[in-house]
Amino acid sequence: MAKYSYKQRLEAVMKVTEKHMSCKAVGRLLGCGDTHVRRWVKRYENFGVEGLIRKPRISPMIMKTMNILLSTIQKIVKNFKTIT
């Protein structure tokens, strides 16, 4: 699966919104499907340029580890408060 930069996504959206090109035509230029372009346009319409920024994803295993760590820290802090 190809990843597209923020700049590429923004340029694609601008071609659709300002130059009135079709999502299919823009997709062909970029080498991706029109579904990608439609999704970017929708995100742009709903959230502005912020919607085109890729957000990092955290794996479920890392999330589980972080939750266990947070829980442990909270217990330590709670125990420390009862001691002092």
C-alpha atoms as a PDB file:
ATOM      1  CA  MET A   1       0.000   0.000   0.000  1.00  0.00           C
ATOM      2  CA  ALA A   2       1.474   3.313  -1.051  1.00  0.00           C
ATOM      3  CA  LYS A   3       1.662   6.172   1.422  1.00  0.00           C
ATOM      4  CA  TYR A   4       1.065   9.678   0.208  1.00  0.00           C
ATOM      5  CA  SER A   5       2.623  12.721   1.793  1.00  0.00           C
ATOM      6  CA  TYR A   6       0.625  15.567   3.268  1.00  0.00           C
ATOM      7  CA  LYS A   7       1.685  17.719   0.313  1.00  0.00           C
ATOM      8  CA  GLN A   8       0.453  15.140  -2.205  1.00  0.00           C
ATOM      9  CA  ARG A   9      -2.882  14.782  -0.423  1.00  0.00           C
ATOM     10  CA  LEU A  10      -3.329  18.557  -0.231  1.00  0.00           C
ATOM     11  CA  GLU A  11      -2.461  19.015  -3.915  1.00  0.00           C
ATOM     12  CA  ALA A  12      -4.954  16.292  -4.840  1.00  0.00           C
ATOM     13  CA  VAL A  13      -7.694  17.953  -2.794  1.00  0.00           C
ATOM     14  CA  MET A  14      -6.942  21.350  -4.329  1.00  0.00           C
ATOM     15  CA  LYS A  15      -7.210  19.891  -7.835  1.00  0.00           C
ATOM     16  CA  VAL A  16     -10.655  18.557  -6.983  1.00  0.00           C
ATOM     17  CA  THR A  17     -11.952  21.566  -5.040  1.00  0.00           C
ATOM     18  CA  GLU A  18     -10.385  24.473  -6.925  1.00  0.00           C
ATOM     19  CA  LYS A  19      -9.651  23.158 -10.419  1.00  0.00           C
ATOM     20  CA  HIS A  20     -12.829  21.040 -10.495  1.00  0.00           C
ATOM     21  CA  MET A  21     -11.026  17.920 -11.635  1.00  0.00           C
ATOM     22  CA  SER A  22     -12.732  14.604 -10.956  1.00  0.00           C
ATOM     23  CA  CYS A  23     -11.503  12.364  -8.157  1.00  0.00           C
ATOM     24  CA  LYS A  24     -10.913   9.672 -10.743  1.00  0.00           C
ATOM     25  CA  ALA A  25      -8.679  11.929 -12.868  1.00  0.00           C
ATOM     26  CA  VAL A  26      -6.700  13.100  -9.831  1.00  0.00           C
ATOM     27  CA  GLY A  27      -6.352   9.507  -8.659  1.00  0.00           C
ATOM     28  CA  ARG A  28      -4.936   8.517 -12.038  1.00  0.00           C
ATOM     29  CA  LEU A  29      -2.373  11.341 -11.847  1.00  0.00           C
ATOM     30  CA  LEU A  30      -1.282  10.212  -8.395  1.00  0.00           C
ATOM     31  CA  GLY A  31      -1.433   6.524  -9.146  1.00  0.00           C
ATOM     32  CA  CYS A  32      -4.086   5.796  -6.543  1.00  0.00           C
ATOM     33  CA  GLY A  33      -7.768   4.994  -6.580  1.00  0.00           C
ATOM     34  CA  ASP A  34     -10.469   7.613  -6.665  1.00  0.00           C
ATOM     35  CA  THR A  35     -11.663   6.289  -3.275  1.00  0.00           C
ATOM     36  CA  HIS A  36      -8.498   7.637  -1.656  1.00  0.00           C
ATOM     37  CA  VAL A  37      -9.028  11.036  -3.234  1.00  0.00           C
ATOM     38  CA  ARG A  38     -12.699  11.139  -2.208  1.00  0.00           C
ATOM     39  CA  ARG A  39     -11.722  10.284   1.365  1.00  0.00           C
ATOM     40  CA  TRP A  40      -9.141  13.091   1.425  1.00  0.00           C
ATOM     41  CA  VAL A  41     -11.657  15.587   0.021  1.00  0.00           C
ATOM     42  CA  LYS A  42     -14.228  14.577   2.629  1.00  0.00           C
ATOM     43  CA  ARG A  43     -11.684  14.919   5.439  1.00  0.00           C
ATOM     44  CA  TYR A  44     -10.656  18.309   4.086  1.00  0.00           C
ATOM     45  CA  GLU A  45     -14.269  19.468   3.947  1.00  0.00           C
ATOM     46  CA  ASN A  46     -14.945  18.253   7.503  1.00  0.00           C
ATOM     47  CA  PHE A  47     -11.687  19.192   9.247  1.00  0.00           C
ATOM     48  CA  GLY A  48      -9.740  21.528   6.945  1.00  0.00           C
ATOM     49  CA  VAL A  49      -6.053  20.902   6.319  1.00  0.00           C
ATOM     50  CA  GLU A  50      -5.807  19.190   9.732  1.00  0.00           C
ATOM     51  CA  GLY A  51      -7.853  16.337   8.289  1.00  0.00           C
ATOM     52  CA  LEU A  52      -5.085  15.553   5.802  1.00  0.00           C
ATOM     53  CA  ILE A  53      -2.403  15.034   8.450  1.00  0.00           C
ATOM     54  CA  ARG A  54      -1.682  11.377   9.060  1.00  0.00           C
ATOM     55  CA  LYS A  55      -2.027  10.444  12.706  1.00  0.00           C
ATOM     56  CA  PRO A  56       0.342   7.906  14.227  1.00  0.00           C
ATOM     57  CA  ARG A  57      -1.280   4.651  15.239  1.00  0.00           C
ATOM     58  CA  ILE A  58      -0.434   2.742  18.381  1.00  0.00           C
ATOM     59  CA  SER A  59      -0.495  -1.045  18.259  1.00  0.00           C
ATOM     60  CA  PRO A  60      -2.883  -2.821  20.637  1.00  0.00           C
ATOM     61  CA  MET A  61       0.040  -4.497  22.427  1.00  0.00           C
ATOM     62  CA  ILE A  62       1.731  -1.152  23.122  1.00  0.00           C
ATOM     63  CA  MET A  63      -1.594   0.331  24.263  1.00  0.00           C
ATOM     64  CA  LYS A  64      -2.125  -2.597  26.654  1.00  0.00           C
ATOM     65  CA  THR A  65       1.402  -2.169  28.040  1.00  0.00           C
ATOM     66  CA  MET A  66       0.858   1.566  28.489  1.00  0.00           C
ATOM     67  CA  ASN A  67      -2.416   0.950  30.351  1.00  0.00           C
ATOM     68  CA  ILE A  68      -0.735  -1.566  32.681  1.00  0.00           C
ATOM     69  CA  LEU A  69       2.102   0.883  33.312  1.00  0.00           C
ATOM     70  CA  LEU A  70      -0.329   3.732  34.004  1.00  0.00           C
ATOM     71  CA  SER A  71      -2.327   1.556  36.391  1.00  0.00           C
ATOM     72  CA  THR A  72       0.846   0.560  38.238  1.00  0.00           C
ATOM     73  CA  ILE A  73       1.979   4.177  38.545  1.00  0.00           C
ATOM     74  CA  GLN A  74      -1.446   5.195  39.863  1.00  0.00           C
ATOM     75  CA  LYS A  75      -1.276   2.446  42.524  1.00  0.00           C
ATOM     76  CA  ILE A  76       2.223   3.552  43.562  1.00  0.00           C
ATOM     77  CA  VAL A  77       1.119   7.185  43.849  1.00  0.00           C
ATOM     78  CA  LYS A  78      -1.970   6.159  45.854  1.00  0.00           C
ATOM     79  CA  ASN A  79       0.153   4.035  48.229  1.00  0.00           C
ATOM     80  CA  PHE A  80       2.691   6.827  48.575  1.00  0.00           C
ATOM     81  CA  LYS A  81      -0.043   9.304  49.553  1.00  0.00           C
ATOM     82  CA  THR A  82      -1.332   6.949  52.262  1.00  0.00           C
ATOM     83  CA  ILE A  83       2.195   6.499  53.693  1.00  0.00           C
ATOM     84  CA  THR A  84       2.962  10.212  53.941  1.00  0.00           C
END
